Protein backbone atom coordinates (compact mmCIF):
# COMPACT_ATOMS: atom_id res chain seq x y z
CA UNK A 1 26.50 -21.21 2.71
CA UNK A 2 29.13 -20.01 0.24
CA UNK A 3 30.80 -16.73 0.99
CA UNK A 4 29.44 -13.77 -0.96
CA UNK A 5 31.29 -12.41 -3.95
CA UNK A 6 32.46 -8.78 -3.94
CA UNK A 7 30.28 -6.24 -5.79
CA UNK A 8 33.02 -5.63 -8.36
CA UNK A 9 33.04 -9.33 -9.26
CA UNK A 10 29.27 -9.34 -9.65
CA UNK A 11 29.31 -6.20 -11.78
CA UNK A 12 32.02 -7.57 -14.08
CA UNK A 13 30.21 -10.91 -14.41
CA UNK A 14 27.01 -9.11 -15.44
CA UNK A 15 28.94 -7.02 -17.96
CA UNK A 16 30.47 -10.16 -19.49
CA UNK A 17 27.07 -11.84 -19.71
CA UNK A 18 25.53 -8.80 -21.38
CA UNK A 19 28.20 -8.79 -24.10
CA UNK A 20 26.70 -12.11 -25.26
CA UNK A 21 30.01 -13.35 -26.64
CA UNK A 22 29.38 -16.67 -24.88
CA UNK A 23 26.24 -18.29 -23.46
CA UNK A 24 25.39 -17.27 -19.89
CA UNK A 25 25.88 -20.85 -18.71
CA UNK A 26 29.42 -20.92 -20.13
CA UNK A 27 30.35 -17.58 -18.54
CA UNK A 28 29.00 -18.77 -15.19
CA UNK A 29 30.99 -22.00 -15.43
CA UNK A 30 34.15 -20.07 -16.33
CA UNK A 31 33.68 -17.82 -13.30
CA UNK A 32 32.94 -20.74 -10.97
CA UNK A 33 29.38 -19.75 -10.14
CA UNK A 34 26.04 -21.32 -10.97
CA UNK A 35 24.00 -20.33 -13.99
CA UNK A 36 21.04 -19.32 -11.81
CA UNK A 37 23.30 -17.17 -9.64
CA UNK A 38 24.54 -15.17 -12.64
CA UNK A 39 21.01 -14.82 -14.01
CA UNK A 40 19.88 -13.53 -10.61
CA UNK A 41 22.66 -10.96 -10.60
CA UNK A 42 21.64 -9.88 -14.09
CA UNK A 43 18.00 -9.56 -13.03
CA UNK A 44 18.95 -7.50 -9.95
CA UNK A 45 21.24 -5.29 -12.06
CA UNK A 46 18.31 -4.64 -14.41
CA UNK A 47 16.18 -3.58 -11.44
CA UNK A 48 18.93 -1.32 -10.09
CA UNK A 49 19.30 0.34 -13.51
CA UNK A 50 15.55 0.77 -13.97
CA UNK A 51 15.23 -1.66 -16.87
CA UNK A 52 12.93 -3.95 -14.91
CA UNK A 53 10.28 -3.45 -12.23
CA UNK A 54 11.22 -4.58 -8.74
CA UNK A 55 12.86 -3.56 -5.48
CA UNK A 56 16.37 -2.18 -5.60
CA UNK A 57 18.86 -3.14 -2.92
CA UNK A 58 18.29 0.10 -1.01
CA UNK A 59 14.52 -0.33 -1.15
CA UNK A 60 14.84 -3.93 0.03
CA UNK A 61 17.00 -2.84 2.98
CA UNK A 62 14.56 -0.05 3.87
CA UNK A 63 11.61 -2.46 3.70
CA UNK A 64 13.36 -4.91 6.04
CA UNK A 65 14.13 -2.10 8.50
CA UNK A 66 10.54 -0.83 8.43
CA UNK A 67 9.18 -4.32 9.01
CA UNK A 68 11.54 -4.73 11.97
CA UNK A 69 10.41 -1.38 13.44
CA UNK A 70 6.75 -2.32 12.97
CA UNK A 71 7.25 -5.64 14.77
CA UNK A 72 8.94 -3.89 17.72
CA UNK A 73 6.24 -1.20 17.85
CA UNK A 74 3.47 -3.81 17.90
CA UNK A 75 5.21 -5.66 20.72
CA UNK A 76 5.64 -2.44 22.72
CA UNK A 77 1.98 -1.55 22.13
CA UNK A 78 0.88 -4.96 23.42
CA UNK A 79 3.02 -4.54 26.56
CA UNK A 80 1.49 -1.10 27.19
CA UNK A 81 -2.05 -2.48 26.76
CA UNK A 82 -1.38 -5.22 29.30
CA UNK A 83 0.20 -2.77 31.74
CA UNK A 84 -2.76 -0.40 31.42
CA UNK A 85 -5.19 -3.26 32.06
CA UNK A 86 -3.18 -4.39 35.08
CA UNK A 87 -3.09 -0.92 36.64
CA UNK A 88 -6.77 -0.33 35.86
CA UNK A 89 -7.64 -3.54 37.74
CA UNK A 90 -5.35 -2.53 40.60
CA UNK A 91 -7.12 0.83 41.07
CA UNK A 92 -10.68 -0.53 40.88
CA UNK A 93 -10.45 -3.35 43.40
CA UNK A 94 -10.75 -2.36 47.09
CA UNK A 95 -7.73 -2.93 49.26
């Protein structure tokens, strides 16, 4: 996987593409990135600026964290259910 570009590079690339002095494909080639990569950065910048509907970077990070917490909570709940069932069986059966 290629190493990520710094945010300043991405921001400047989007600014250059929005000037429309050259085609997006040419700007991407000049910067050494793929055309689809630059278009993706432009799309994400539009979302961040409120020009387009979608999840911003912060919202995406929060969603991932919430999903992780939900997965852990479900696992803990399942463990507690099994423990409760085990101890309930232990107390009912004669010794």
